[in-house]
Amino acid sequence: MNLWVRFGSVFLMVLLVGCASQGGGDDSASKKAEGSGGAVKMKSEGAGVTIVKPAAMSDVTSPVEICMETAGYTVEPAKNGVNEGKGHHHLIIDADLPDLSQPVPKDAQHIHMGDGSTCKTVELAKGKMYTIKALFARGNHVPYDPAVTDSVVVFVK
């Protein structure tokens, strides 16, 4: 079956959500946002996280390697503490974004990459479509607000 037929309207939804969910910037060069521990200077327009692997709307096999790139933020291990403009990745599998004022939960749907890595291999069941979100957070696992996030939809064959 054609990939576009199988995913149908999901593609449009992901496109709209993906474009709207890129966080970290606005029309000004920088701004202040309330976060855990007080005001945090947000990065300039174009800053954010992008899932570069796998491609959106692709057929994949498990285990799936998921890789992210950041712009305007520096990836570092969580053990380095809370440093402005720095943090680490979290993967969210088939779940909504968590409360941005609290640490990201740690369970099967919320995968922490506190070691500072930019790629993670994840086992996913065959025959299912998954929404995979990347969420960038500070060393204390509290996400930036607005969320620095991206998402892709894949089908595990």
Protein backbone atom coordinates (compact mmCIF):
# COMPACT_ATOMS: atom_id res chain seq x y z
CA MET A 1 0.00 0.00 0.00
CA ASN A 2 1.26 3.48 -0.83
CA LEU A 3 2.89 5.22 2.16
CA TRP A 4 0.87 8.42 1.65
CA VAL A 5 -2.41 6.49 1.48
CA ARG A 6 -1.59 4.57 4.67
CA PHE A 7 -0.76 7.69 6.65
CA GLY A 8 -3.48 9.83 5.03
CA SER A 9 -4.42 12.81 7.11
CA VAL A 10 -1.76 12.02 9.74
CA PHE A 11 0.81 13.64 7.45
CA LEU A 12 -1.06 16.92 7.45
CA MET A 13 -1.44 16.77 11.25
CA VAL A 14 2.28 16.11 11.76
CA LEU A 15 3.22 18.86 9.34
CA LEU A 16 1.05 21.37 11.20
CA VAL A 17 2.15 20.20 14.66
CA GLY A 18 5.82 20.05 13.65
CA CYS A 19 5.81 23.57 12.25
CA ALA A 20 3.94 24.95 15.24
CA SER A 21 5.97 23.07 17.84
CA GLN A 22 9.44 24.36 17.03
CA GLY A 23 10.21 26.33 20.16
CA GLY A 24 12.99 28.48 21.41
CA GLY A 25 12.52 31.69 19.46
CA ASP A 26 10.15 34.45 18.47
CA ASP A 27 10.30 37.62 16.37
CA SER A 28 12.77 39.29 18.72
CA ALA A 29 16.43 38.40 19.05
CA SER A 30 15.84 37.02 22.52
CA LYS A 31 13.21 36.93 25.21
CA LYS A 32 12.65 35.92 28.79
CA ALA A 33 10.58 32.91 29.78
CA GLU A 34 9.71 31.73 33.23
CA GLY A 35 11.15 28.32 33.98
CA SER A 36 12.25 26.34 36.99
CA GLY A 37 14.62 28.51 38.94
CA GLY A 38 13.63 31.89 37.53
CA ALA A 39 13.89 33.68 34.22
CA VAL A 40 15.75 31.89 31.47
CA LYS A 41 17.03 33.73 28.40
CA MET A 42 15.67 32.04 25.31
CA LYS A 43 17.73 31.72 22.14
CA SER A 44 17.17 33.66 18.93
CA GLU A 45 14.86 32.86 16.01
CA GLY A 46 15.72 29.57 14.33
CA ALA A 47 16.90 27.91 17.52
CA GLY A 48 15.46 24.51 18.26
CA VAL A 49 15.76 20.77 17.89
CA THR A 50 15.23 18.69 14.77
CA ILE A 51 14.82 14.94 14.46
CA VAL A 52 17.14 14.11 11.57
CA LYS A 53 16.68 10.34 11.69
CA PRO A 54 14.35 8.64 10.93
CA ALA A 55 12.68 10.72 8.27
CA ALA A 56 9.08 11.75 8.87
CA MET A 57 6.49 9.42 7.36
CA SER A 58 9.04 6.67 6.73
CA ASP A 59 8.79 2.90 7.05
CA VAL A 60 11.40 1.67 9.55
CA THR A 61 12.49 -1.58 11.15
CA SER A 62 13.01 -2.11 14.86
CA PRO A 63 15.22 -1.29 16.60
CA VAL A 64 14.88 2.29 15.38
CA GLU A 65 17.77 4.73 15.63
CA ILE A 66 16.50 8.23 16.47
CA CYS A 67 18.93 11.14 16.05
CA MET A 68 18.51 14.85 16.81
CA GLU A 69 20.37 18.04 15.98
CA THR A 70 20.11 21.32 17.87
CA ALA A 71 20.49 24.91 16.72
CA GLY A 72 21.06 27.65 19.27
CA TYR A 73 21.38 25.16 22.14
CA THR A 74 24.33 23.10 23.35
CA VAL A 75 23.92 19.41 24.17
CA GLU A 76 25.65 18.33 27.38
CA PRO A 77 25.22 15.57 29.99
CA ALA A 78 22.64 16.17 32.73
CA LYS A 79 25.37 15.77 35.35
CA ASN A 80 26.78 19.14 34.22
CA GLY A 81 23.88 20.85 35.99
CA VAL A 82 21.55 23.61 34.85
CA ASN A 83 23.32 25.87 32.37
CA GLU A 84 21.54 28.51 30.31
CA GLY A 85 21.11 27.48 26.67
CA LYS A 86 22.34 23.96 27.39
CA GLY A 87 20.72 20.64 28.16
CA HIS A 88 19.97 17.20 26.83
CA HIS A 89 17.42 15.30 24.76
CA HIS A 90 14.37 13.30 25.78
CA LEU A 91 12.32 11.08 23.47
CA ILE A 92 8.58 10.86 23.93
CA ILE A 93 6.92 7.92 22.23
CA ASP A 94 3.16 8.11 21.54
CA ALA A 95 2.49 10.55 24.38
CA ASP A 96 1.72 14.24 24.83
CA LEU A 97 4.41 16.67 25.91
CA PRO A 98 4.72 16.68 29.70
CA ASP A 99 4.18 19.65 32.00
CA LEU A 100 6.94 22.08 31.00
CA SER A 101 7.37 23.32 34.57
CA GLN A 102 8.23 19.85 35.92
CA PRO A 103 11.02 17.34 35.23
CA VAL A 104 10.26 15.00 32.32
CA PRO A 105 8.90 11.68 33.67
CA LYS A 106 11.06 8.59 33.18
CA ASP A 107 9.17 5.57 31.84
CA ALA A 108 8.73 3.54 28.65
CA GLN A 109 7.18 6.53 26.84
CA HIS A 110 9.61 9.16 28.19
CA ILE A 111 13.19 8.20 27.40
CA HIS A 112 15.97 10.28 28.95
CA MET A 113 19.23 10.89 27.12
CA GLY A 114 20.98 12.51 30.09
CA ASP A 115 24.35 11.19 28.94
CA GLY A 116 24.44 14.02 26.38
CA SER A 117 24.04 11.73 23.37
CA THR A 118 22.25 12.86 20.22
CA CYS A 119 21.14 9.40 19.00
CA LYS A 120 19.24 6.62 20.74
CA THR A 121 18.21 3.16 19.53
CA VAL A 122 14.70 2.19 20.62
CA GLU A 123 12.81 -1.11 20.27
CA LEU A 124 9.32 -0.56 18.85
CA ALA A 125 6.68 -3.21 18.09
CA LYS A 126 6.16 -4.16 14.45
CA GLY A 127 3.02 -3.25 12.53
CA LYS A 128 2.35 0.02 14.34
CA MET A 129 2.54 3.70 13.55
CA TYR A 130 4.36 5.79 16.17
CA THR A 131 4.65 9.48 16.91
CA ILE A 132 8.15 10.20 18.18
CA LYS A 133 8.82 13.57 19.81
CA ALA A 134 12.16 15.05 20.80
CA LEU A 135 12.07 17.39 23.79
CA PHE A 136 15.14 19.37 24.87
CA ALA A 137 15.48 20.06 28.59
CA ARG A 138 17.92 21.54 31.10
CA GLY A 139 20.26 19.46 33.25
CA ASN A 140 17.51 19.06 35.86
CA HIS A 141 15.24 17.49 33.18
CA VAL A 142 12.88 20.50 33.20
CA PRO A 143 12.05 21.43 29.58
CA TYR A 144 12.48 24.90 28.18
CA ASP A 145 9.27 26.93 27.95
CA PRO A 146 8.21 27.37 25.22
CA ALA A 147 9.04 23.75 24.42
CA VAL A 148 12.07 23.05 22.25
CA THR A 149 10.62 20.10 20.38
CA ASP A 150 10.16 18.31 17.09
CA SER A 151 8.20 15.23 16.05
CA VAL A 152 8.02 12.59 13.34
CA VAL A 153 5.56 9.82 12.55
CA VAL A 154 6.95 6.48 11.42
CA PHE A 155 5.55 3.04 10.62
CA VAL A 156 7.44 0.02 11.98
CA LYS A 157 7.23 -2.76 9.41
